């Protein structure tokens, strides 16, 4: 086994990073890609980036940087997927149906929430997921999306109401 490049994080730092933030990073990646396989790939890339630049985090909160790296990497992966499928003449699957894993045991209500969430644009979807599942603050979301906290609140308000309207249309 070769030694890590100079200026990289130790194994214990990376283990701590994955244990502390792995689930959050996966949620961010999945919200963008809507694919468990792509989300896992994105998280691995983000952790690799962290491994390379961990020492530069002194005095900084790594989760803010990691969320941004993960989201940007996920967007890049989706753009690459879109270009490669377009080049092959295959239409990119953009179904609003939730993944099969989400329908397990017939949870119709959960599947409907997921469909409504999938119909949101990527930034709104990611904001809702981070705010509702990880209780990320408005200020942190504003930092992540380069918006003001009031713009984040407005975007979340519109996203929640769009989801509610869709659920009402489906009588749920």
Protein backbone atom coordinates (compact mmCIF):
# COMPACT_ATOMS: atom_id res chain seq x y z
CA UNK A 1 0.00 0.00 0.00
CA UNK A 2 1.41 3.37 -0.94
CA UNK A 3 1.44 6.38 1.34
CA UNK A 4 -1.16 9.09 0.69
CA UNK A 5 0.01 12.19 -1.17
CA UNK A 6 1.45 14.97 0.95
CA UNK A 7 -1.22 17.25 2.39
CA UNK A 8 -3.97 14.63 2.43
CA UNK A 9 -6.22 13.57 5.27
CA UNK A 10 -5.48 10.56 7.44
CA UNK A 11 -7.57 7.40 7.34
CA UNK A 12 -9.11 8.23 10.71
CA UNK A 13 -10.13 11.70 9.48
CA UNK A 14 -11.86 10.19 6.46
CA UNK A 15 -13.53 7.51 8.60
CA UNK A 16 -14.84 10.29 10.86
CA UNK A 17 -15.98 12.27 7.83
CA UNK A 18 -17.93 9.36 6.36
CA UNK A 19 -19.43 8.38 9.72
CA UNK A 20 -20.46 11.96 10.47
CA UNK A 21 -21.65 13.17 7.08
CA UNK A 22 -22.05 10.19 4.75
CA UNK A 23 -25.84 10.02 5.08
CA UNK A 24 -26.26 13.77 4.51
CA UNK A 25 -24.02 13.67 1.44
CA UNK A 26 -25.96 10.71 0.04
CA UNK A 27 -29.25 12.60 0.48
CA UNK A 28 -27.86 15.61 -1.37
CA UNK A 29 -26.53 13.44 -4.20
CA UNK A 30 -29.73 11.38 -4.44
CA UNK A 31 -31.89 14.51 -4.48
CA UNK A 32 -30.01 15.69 -7.56
CA UNK A 33 -29.44 12.41 -9.41
CA UNK A 34 -32.51 10.41 -8.31
CA UNK A 35 -30.35 7.31 -8.69
CA UNK A 36 -28.84 5.32 -5.84
CA UNK A 37 -25.95 4.16 -8.05
CA UNK A 38 -25.08 7.67 -9.23
CA UNK A 39 -25.54 9.08 -5.73
CA UNK A 40 -23.06 6.59 -4.31
CA UNK A 41 -20.57 7.48 -7.05
CA UNK A 42 -20.98 11.18 -6.31
CA UNK A 43 -20.44 10.67 -2.57
CA UNK A 44 -17.29 8.64 -3.25
CA UNK A 45 -15.97 11.48 -5.43
CA UNK A 46 -16.78 14.04 -2.73
CA UNK A 47 -15.04 11.97 -0.06
CA UNK A 48 -12.03 11.59 -2.34
CA UNK A 49 -11.93 15.38 -2.76
CA UNK A 50 -12.12 15.69 1.02
CA UNK A 51 -9.26 13.23 1.39
CA UNK A 52 -7.13 15.37 -0.89
CA UNK A 53 -7.92 18.70 0.74
CA UNK A 54 -8.85 17.93 4.36
CA UNK A 55 -5.86 19.76 5.90
CA UNK A 56 -7.01 23.03 4.30
CA UNK A 57 -10.20 22.90 6.41
CA UNK A 58 -8.59 24.24 9.56
CA UNK A 59 -11.07 26.60 11.16
CA UNK A 60 -13.80 25.76 8.63
CA UNK A 61 -16.88 23.58 8.95
CA UNK A 62 -16.37 20.65 6.55
CA UNK A 63 -20.07 19.92 5.99
CA UNK A 64 -20.68 23.23 4.23
CA UNK A 65 -17.86 22.56 1.80
CA UNK A 66 -18.85 18.90 1.41
CA UNK A 67 -22.49 19.71 0.61
CA UNK A 68 -21.40 22.15 -2.07
CA UNK A 69 -18.86 19.71 -3.56
CA UNK A 70 -21.41 16.89 -3.50
CA UNK A 71 -24.16 18.97 -5.13
CA UNK A 72 -21.84 20.35 -7.80
CA UNK A 73 -20.45 16.89 -8.56
CA UNK A 74 -23.99 15.47 -8.79
CA UNK A 75 -24.99 18.19 -11.23
CA UNK A 76 -21.88 17.47 -13.32
CA UNK A 77 -22.67 13.75 -13.34
CA UNK A 78 -26.23 14.45 -14.49
CA UNK A 79 -25.00 16.73 -17.26
CA UNK A 80 -22.55 14.07 -18.38
CA UNK A 81 -25.30 11.42 -18.29
CA UNK A 82 -27.57 13.69 -20.30
CA UNK A 83 -24.91 14.36 -22.95
CA UNK A 84 -23.91 10.71 -23.29
CA UNK A 85 -27.49 9.50 -23.68
CA UNK A 86 -28.25 12.27 -26.15
CA UNK A 87 -25.21 11.28 -28.19
CA UNK A 88 -26.43 7.70 -28.27
CA UNK A 89 -29.88 8.86 -29.35
CA UNK A 90 -31.46 7.43 -26.23
CA UNK A 91 -33.90 9.57 -24.31
CA UNK A 92 -32.76 10.18 -20.74
CA UNK A 93 -35.16 8.58 -18.29
CA UNK A 94 -36.79 11.43 -16.38
CA UNK A 95 -39.75 9.57 -14.99
CA UNK A 96 -41.42 11.16 -12.01
CA UNK A 97 -42.18 7.70 -10.64
CA UNK A 98 -40.26 6.94 -7.48
CA UNK A 99 -37.60 4.29 -7.36
CA UNK A 100 -38.77 0.71 -6.79
CA UNK A 101 -37.08 0.63 -3.36
CA UNK A 102 -39.40 3.42 -2.26
CA UNK A 103 -42.55 1.49 -3.13
CA UNK A 104 -41.60 -1.60 -1.09
CA UNK A 105 -44.41 -2.90 1.13
CA UNK A 106 -47.02 -0.86 -0.77
CA UNK A 107 -46.51 2.53 0.85
CA UNK A 108 -48.76 4.42 -1.51
CA UNK A 109 -48.68 7.67 0.43
CA UNK A 110 -44.89 7.68 0.60
CA UNK A 111 -44.67 6.96 -3.11
CA UNK A 112 -46.95 9.91 -3.83
CA UNK A 113 -44.82 12.24 -1.71
CA UNK A 114 -41.77 11.07 -3.58
CA UNK A 115 -43.44 11.65 -6.94
CA UNK A 116 -44.43 15.15 -5.88
CA UNK A 117 -40.89 15.78 -4.68
CA UNK A 118 -39.46 14.45 -7.96
CA UNK A 119 -41.55 16.94 -9.92
CA UNK A 120 -39.76 19.85 -8.25
CA UNK A 121 -36.76 21.41 -9.93
CA UNK A 122 -33.37 20.24 -8.60
CA UNK A 123 -32.61 23.19 -6.29
CA UNK A 124 -36.08 23.10 -4.72
CA UNK A 125 -35.95 19.32 -4.31
CA UNK A 126 -32.52 19.47 -2.65
CA UNK A 127 -33.61 22.31 -0.36
CA UNK A 128 -36.73 20.45 0.77
CA UNK A 129 -34.77 17.26 1.44
CA UNK A 130 -32.03 19.02 3.40
CA UNK A 131 -34.43 21.23 5.36
CA UNK A 132 -36.98 18.56 6.21
CA UNK A 133 -34.78 15.52 6.78
CA UNK A 134 -31.57 17.07 8.11
CA UNK A 135 -32.95 20.33 9.53
CA UNK A 136 -30.36 22.37 7.66
CA UNK A 137 -30.79 26.04 8.56
CA UNK A 138 -31.99 28.68 6.13
CA UNK A 139 -28.60 30.38 6.41
CA UNK A 140 -26.77 27.16 5.49
CA UNK A 141 -29.09 26.59 2.54
CA UNK A 142 -28.56 30.19 1.44
CA UNK A 143 -24.81 29.62 1.54
CA UNK A 144 -25.08 26.35 -0.37
CA UNK A 145 -27.26 27.81 -3.15
CA UNK A 146 -25.78 31.31 -3.26
CA UNK A 147 -29.11 32.88 -2.27
CA UNK A 148 -30.32 35.09 0.55
CA UNK A 149 -32.09 33.41 3.48
CA UNK A 150 -35.33 35.14 2.46
CA UNK A 151 -34.99 33.76 -1.08
CA UNK A 152 -34.48 30.28 0.38
CA UNK A 153 -37.60 30.67 2.53
CA UNK A 154 -39.61 31.79 -0.51
CA UNK A 155 -38.32 28.91 -2.65
CA UNK A 156 -39.13 26.40 0.11
CA UNK A 157 -42.59 27.91 0.55
CA UNK A 158 -43.32 27.54 -3.18
CA UNK A 159 -41.89 24.00 -3.25
CA UNK A 160 -43.96 22.85 -0.27
CA UNK A 161 -47.14 24.33 -1.75
CA UNK A 162 -46.46 22.75 -5.14
CA UNK A 163 -46.07 19.39 -3.42
CA UNK A 164 -49.24 19.91 -1.38
CA UNK A 165 -51.19 20.84 -4.51
CA UNK A 166 -50.01 17.70 -6.33
CA UNK A 167 -50.92 15.50 -3.37
CA UNK A 168 -54.39 17.09 -3.26
CA UNK A 169 -54.80 16.42 -7.00
CA UNK A 170 -54.05 12.76 -6.31
CA UNK A 171 -56.52 12.78 -3.37
CA UNK A 172 -53.84 12.07 -0.78
